[in-house]
Amino acid sequence: MVVKQGEHENRDRTYSITELCKEFEVTPRTLRFYEQKGLLSPARRGWTRLFSYRDRARLKLILRGKKVGFSLEEIKELLDLYSLRDGQLTQLRVASTKMRERLDALQIQRVELDEAILDLQRTVEIVDGMLKARTEGDAVKAKAG
C-alpha cells in the first residue's frame, strides 16, 4: 500500500467524482462513504467535489487495501501515516508489519479453504454415489414391476 515513486502525474490536476468513479470502477456513493469516513477529503466548489492528485492516490491505496482484506480502519491508519514528516519511514515500517500480518492471515485462510474444498468434493462424491445407486435401483424396480 505504498505509492510507488515515479507515479507522478500532474499533481495540480483535479478530478471529478465521475472521472474517479469511471477510472476505479466505483460508485459515487462509495466515494462519498470514504469521504464520510475521513479517508478522502475533496475540495468543494459549490456542490461539486474536486478530488486532488492526493485523493486519487489515496483512493488507489484504499481499493488495494480492501482487495487484500484490510479493514477501513486499518487503511485509514496507514493513510494517516503519510502526513508524518519522517520521510515515510514510520509509514513504511507500519505498512510492512500490517501487510505481513495480513499475508499470514490469508495463508491460513487458504489452508482452511483448501480443506473445505476437499471435504466438499468428498461429500459431493458420496451424494452422487447415493443418487446413482438410488436411480439404478428405481430403474431395476420399474423393469421388474
C-alpha atoms as a PDB file:
ATOM      1  CA  MET A   1       0.000   0.000   0.000  1.00  0.00           C
ATOM      2  CA  VAL A   2       2.888   2.357  -0.642  1.00  0.00           C
ATOM      3  CA  VAL A   3       2.675   4.779  -3.551  1.00  0.00           C
ATOM      4  CA  LYS A   4       5.443   3.927  -5.977  1.00  0.00           C
ATOM      5  CA  GLN A   5       7.935   6.605  -6.737  1.00  0.00           C
ATOM      6  CA  GLY A   6       7.611   7.517 -10.366  1.00  0.00           C
ATOM      7  CA  GLU A   7       3.807   7.535 -10.283  1.00  0.00           C
ATOM      8  CA  HIS A   8       3.895  11.250 -10.922  1.00  0.00           C
ATOM      9  CA  GLU A   9       1.197  12.865 -12.964  1.00  0.00           C
ATOM     10  CA  ASN A  10       0.152  16.474 -12.867  1.00  0.00           C
ATOM     11  CA  ARG A  11      -0.145  16.961  -9.117  1.00  0.00           C
ATOM     12  CA  ASP A  12      -2.176  20.151  -9.591  1.00  0.00           C
ATOM     13  CA  ARG A  13      -4.891  18.420 -11.565  1.00  0.00           C
ATOM     14  CA  THR A  14      -8.293  17.852 -10.002  1.00  0.00           C
ATOM     15  CA  TYR A  15     -10.692  15.027 -10.741  1.00  0.00           C
ATOM     16  CA  SER A  16     -14.464  14.997 -10.718  1.00  0.00           C
ATOM     17  CA  ILE A  17     -16.394  12.317  -8.902  1.00  0.00           C
ATOM     18  CA  THR A  18     -17.431  10.968 -12.326  1.00  0.00           C
ATOM     19  CA  GLU A  19     -13.815  10.678 -13.500  1.00  0.00           C
ATOM     20  CA  LEU A  20     -12.694   8.778 -10.412  1.00  0.00           C
ATOM     21  CA  CYS A  21     -15.765   6.537 -10.471  1.00  0.00           C
ATOM     22  CA  LYS A  22     -15.059   5.618 -14.078  1.00  0.00           C
ATOM     23  CA  GLU A  23     -11.307   5.129 -13.585  1.00  0.00           C
ATOM     24  CA  PHE A  24     -11.624   2.962 -10.473  1.00  0.00           C
ATOM     25  CA  GLU A  25     -14.999   1.351 -11.253  1.00  0.00           C
ATOM     26  CA  VAL A  26     -16.654   2.544  -8.041  1.00  0.00           C
ATOM     27  CA  THR A  27     -19.926   4.341  -7.420  1.00  0.00           C
ATOM     28  CA  PRO A  28     -20.335   7.962  -6.339  1.00  0.00           C
ATOM     29  CA  ARG A  29     -21.834   6.579  -3.126  1.00  0.00           C
ATOM     30  CA  THR A  30     -18.566   4.732  -2.456  1.00  0.00           C
ATOM     31  CA  LEU A  31     -16.542   7.929  -2.782  1.00  0.00           C
ATOM     32  CA  ARG A  32     -18.960   9.812  -0.531  1.00  0.00           C
ATOM     33  CA  PHE A  33     -18.730   6.984   2.010  1.00  0.00           C
ATOM     34  CA  TYR A  34     -14.920   7.156   2.021  1.00  0.00           C
ATOM     35  CA  GLU A  35     -15.196  10.914   2.453  1.00  0.00           C
ATOM     36  CA  GLN A  36     -17.561  10.413   5.410  1.00  0.00           C
ATOM     37  CA  LYS A  37     -15.068   8.018   6.992  1.00  0.00           C
ATOM     38  CA  GLY A  38     -12.247  10.558   6.643  1.00  0.00           C
ATOM     39  CA  LEU A  39     -10.343   8.540   4.055  1.00  0.00           C
ATOM     40  CA  LEU A  40     -10.765  11.142   1.305  1.00  0.00           C
ATOM     41  CA  SER A  41     -11.118  14.892   1.643  1.00  0.00           C
ATOM     42  CA  PRO A  42     -12.034  16.509  -1.660  1.00  0.00           C
ATOM     43  CA  ALA A  43     -12.253  20.256  -2.042  1.00  0.00           C
ATOM     44  CA  ARG A  44     -15.646  21.721  -2.812  1.00  0.00           C
ATOM     45  CA  ARG A  45     -16.783  24.180  -5.409  1.00  0.00           C
ATOM     46  CA  GLY A  46     -20.435  24.707  -4.579  1.00  0.00           C
ATOM     47  CA  TRP A  47     -21.975  21.235  -4.568  1.00  0.00           C
ATOM     48  CA  THR A  48     -19.175  19.815  -6.708  1.00  0.00           C
ATOM     49  CA  ARG A  49     -16.450  17.677  -5.155  1.00  0.00           C
ATOM     50  CA  LEU A  50     -12.984  18.221  -6.599  1.00  0.00           C
ATOM     51  CA  PHE A  51     -10.603  15.388  -5.871  1.00  0.00           C
ATOM     52  CA  SER A  52      -6.882  16.137  -5.826  1.00  0.00           C
ATOM     53  CA  TYR A  53      -3.948  14.045  -7.010  1.00  0.00           C
ATOM     54  CA  ARG A  54      -3.528  13.091  -3.333  1.00  0.00           C
ATOM     55  CA  ASP A  55      -7.173  11.957  -3.094  1.00  0.00           C
ATOM     56  CA  ARG A  56      -6.725   9.870  -6.238  1.00  0.00           C
ATOM     57  CA  ALA A  57      -3.594   8.211  -4.816  1.00  0.00           C
ATOM     58  CA  ARG A  58      -5.399   7.587  -1.518  1.00  0.00           C
ATOM     59  CA  LEU A  59      -8.351   6.027  -3.360  1.00  0.00           C
ATOM     60  CA  LYS A  60      -5.974   3.700  -5.184  1.00  0.00           C
ATOM     61  CA  LEU A  61      -4.485   2.644  -1.841  1.00  0.00           C
ATOM     62  CA  ILE A  62      -7.921   2.232  -0.232  1.00  0.00           C
ATOM     63  CA  LEU A  63      -9.031  -0.097  -3.013  1.00  0.00           C
ATOM     64  CA  ARG A  64      -5.796  -2.101  -2.894  1.00  0.00           C
ATOM     65  CA  GLY A  65      -6.132  -2.427   0.863  1.00  0.00           C
ATOM     66  CA  LYS A  66      -9.745  -3.574   0.616  1.00  0.00           C
ATOM     67  CA  LYS A  67      -8.824  -6.088  -2.074  1.00  0.00           C
ATOM     68  CA  VAL A  68      -6.388  -7.849   0.262  1.00  0.00           C
ATOM     69  CA  GLY A  69      -8.749  -7.701   3.221  1.00  0.00           C
ATOM     70  CA  PHE A  70      -7.682  -4.700   5.279  1.00  0.00           C
ATOM     71  CA  SER A  71     -10.475  -3.045   7.240  1.00  0.00           C
ATOM     72  CA  LEU A  72     -11.236   0.611   6.535  1.00  0.00           C
ATOM     73  CA  GLU A  73      -9.893   1.393   9.996  1.00  0.00           C
ATOM     74  CA  GLU A  74      -6.552  -0.260   9.166  1.00  0.00           C
ATOM     75  CA  ILE A  75      -6.434   1.511   5.814  1.00  0.00           C
ATOM     76  CA  LYS A  76      -7.114   4.866   7.488  1.00  0.00           C
ATOM     77  CA  GLU A  77      -4.327   4.224   9.985  1.00  0.00           C
ATOM     78  CA  LEU A  78      -1.879   3.587   7.151  1.00  0.00           C
ATOM     79  CA  LEU A  79      -3.062   6.577   5.123  1.00  0.00           C
ATOM     80  CA  ASP A  80      -2.806   8.888   8.129  1.00  0.00           C
ATOM     81  CA  LEU A  81       0.876   7.990   8.469  1.00  0.00           C
ATOM     82  CA  TYR A  82       1.566   9.782   5.167  1.00  0.00           C
ATOM     83  CA  SER A  83       1.273  13.114   6.948  1.00  0.00           C
ATOM     84  CA  LEU A  84       4.216  12.347   9.249  1.00  0.00           C
ATOM     85  CA  ARG A  85       7.371  14.220   8.362  1.00  0.00           C
ATOM     86  CA  ASP A  86       9.914  11.412   8.730  1.00  0.00           C
ATOM     87  CA  GLY A  87      10.348  10.653   5.037  1.00  0.00           C
ATOM     88  CA  GLN A  88       7.661   7.959   5.163  1.00  0.00           C
ATOM     89  CA  LEU A  89       9.867   5.816   7.425  1.00  0.00           C
ATOM     90  CA  THR A  90       7.128   5.237  10.010  1.00  0.00           C
ATOM     91  CA  GLN A  91       4.557   4.620   7.292  1.00  0.00           C
ATOM     92  CA  LEU A  92       6.794   2.065   5.595  1.00  0.00           C
ATOM     93  CA  ARG A  93       7.520   0.221   8.852  1.00  0.00           C
ATOM     94  CA  VAL A  94       3.868   0.073   9.900  1.00  0.00           C
ATOM     95  CA  ALA A  95       2.772  -0.869   6.374  1.00  0.00           C
ATOM     96  CA  SER A  96       5.329  -3.682   6.251  1.00  0.00           C
ATOM     97  CA  THR A  97       4.179  -5.067   9.605  1.00  0.00           C
ATOM     98  CA  LYS A  98       0.477  -4.842   8.723  1.00  0.00           C
ATOM     99  CA  MET A  99       0.999  -6.399   5.291  1.00  0.00           C
ATOM    100  CA  ARG A 100       2.968  -9.306   6.757  1.00  0.00           C
ATOM    101  CA  GLU A 101       0.204  -9.883   9.321  1.00  0.00           C
ATOM    102  CA  ARG A 102      -2.411  -9.822   6.557  1.00  0.00           C
ATOM    103  CA  LEU A 103      -0.330 -12.174   4.411  1.00  0.00           C
ATOM    104  CA  ASP A 104      -0.091 -14.648   7.311  1.00  0.00           C
ATOM    105  CA  ALA A 105      -3.867 -14.470   7.834  1.00  0.00           C
ATOM    106  CA  LEU A 106      -4.531 -15.028   4.107  1.00  0.00           C
ATOM    107  CA  GLN A 107      -2.209 -18.038   4.040  1.00  0.00           C
ATOM    108  CA  ILE A 108      -4.092 -19.567   6.980  1.00  0.00           C
ATOM    109  CA  GLN A 109      -7.377 -18.879   5.179  1.00  0.00           C
ATOM    110  CA  ARG A 110      -6.027 -20.555   2.052  1.00  0.00           C
ATOM    111  CA  VAL A 111      -5.221 -23.735   4.003  1.00  0.00           C
ATOM    112  CA  GLU A 112      -8.694 -23.674   5.572  1.00  0.00           C
ATOM    113  CA  LEU A 113     -10.305 -23.114   2.155  1.00  0.00           C
ATOM    114  CA  ASP A 114      -8.334 -25.980   0.617  1.00  0.00           C
ATOM    115  CA  GLU A 115      -9.522 -28.271   3.435  1.00  0.00           C
ATOM    116  CA  ALA A 116     -13.133 -27.122   2.989  1.00  0.00           C
ATOM    117  CA  ILE A 117     -12.931 -27.700  -0.781  1.00  0.00           C
ATOM    118  CA  LEU A 118     -11.592 -31.243  -0.302  1.00  0.00           C
ATOM    119  CA  ASP A 119     -14.296 -32.004   2.254  1.00  0.00           C
ATOM    120  CA  LEU A 120     -16.997 -30.693  -0.053  1.00  0.00           C
ATOM    121  CA  GLN A 121     -15.610 -32.657  -3.023  1.00  0.00           C
ATOM    122  CA  ARG A 122     -15.721 -35.870  -0.955  1.00  0.00           C
ATOM    123  CA  THR A 123     -19.278 -35.112   0.152  1.00  0.00           C
ATOM    124  CA  VAL A 124     -20.373 -34.468  -3.454  1.00  0.00           C
ATOM    125  CA  GLU A 125     -18.876 -37.823  -4.494  1.00  0.00           C
ATOM    126  CA  ILE A 126     -20.751 -39.612  -1.686  1.00  0.00           C
ATOM    127  CA  VAL A 127     -24.053 -37.896  -2.518  1.00  0.00           C
ATOM    128  CA  ASP A 128     -23.594 -38.541  -6.248  1.00  0.00           C
ATOM    129  CA  GLY A 129     -22.882 -42.215  -5.477  1.00  0.00           C
ATOM    130  CA  MET A 130     -26.029 -42.448  -3.354  1.00  0.00           C
ATOM    131  CA  LEU A 131     -28.049 -40.732  -6.079  1.00  0.00           C
ATOM    132  CA  LYS A 132     -26.699 -43.101  -8.734  1.00  0.00           C
ATOM    133  CA  ALA A 133     -27.446 -46.157  -6.584  1.00  0.00           C
ATOM    134  CA  ARG A 134     -30.974 -44.947  -5.892  1.00  0.00           C
ATOM    135  CA  THR A 135     -31.651 -44.137  -9.566  1.00  0.00           C
ATOM    136  CA  GLU A 136     -30.311 -47.504 -10.726  1.00  0.00           C
ATOM    137  CA  GLY A 137     -32.348 -49.246  -8.003  1.00  0.00           C
ATOM    138  CA  ASP A 138     -35.509 -47.459  -9.139  1.00  0.00           C
ATOM    139  CA  ALA A 139     -34.815 -48.443 -12.762  1.00  0.00           C
ATOM    140  CA  VAL A 140     -34.441 -52.120 -11.789  1.00  0.00           C
ATOM    141  CA  LYS A 141     -37.707 -51.996  -9.794  1.00  0.00           C
ATOM    142  CA  ALA A 142     -39.525 -50.390 -12.736  1.00  0.00           C
ATOM    143  CA  LYS A 143     -38.369 -53.159 -15.118  1.00  0.00           C
ATOM    144  CA  ALA A 144     -39.341 -55.868 -12.628  1.00  0.00           C
ATOM    145  CA  GLY A 145     -42.738 -54.340 -11.912  1.00  0.00           C
END
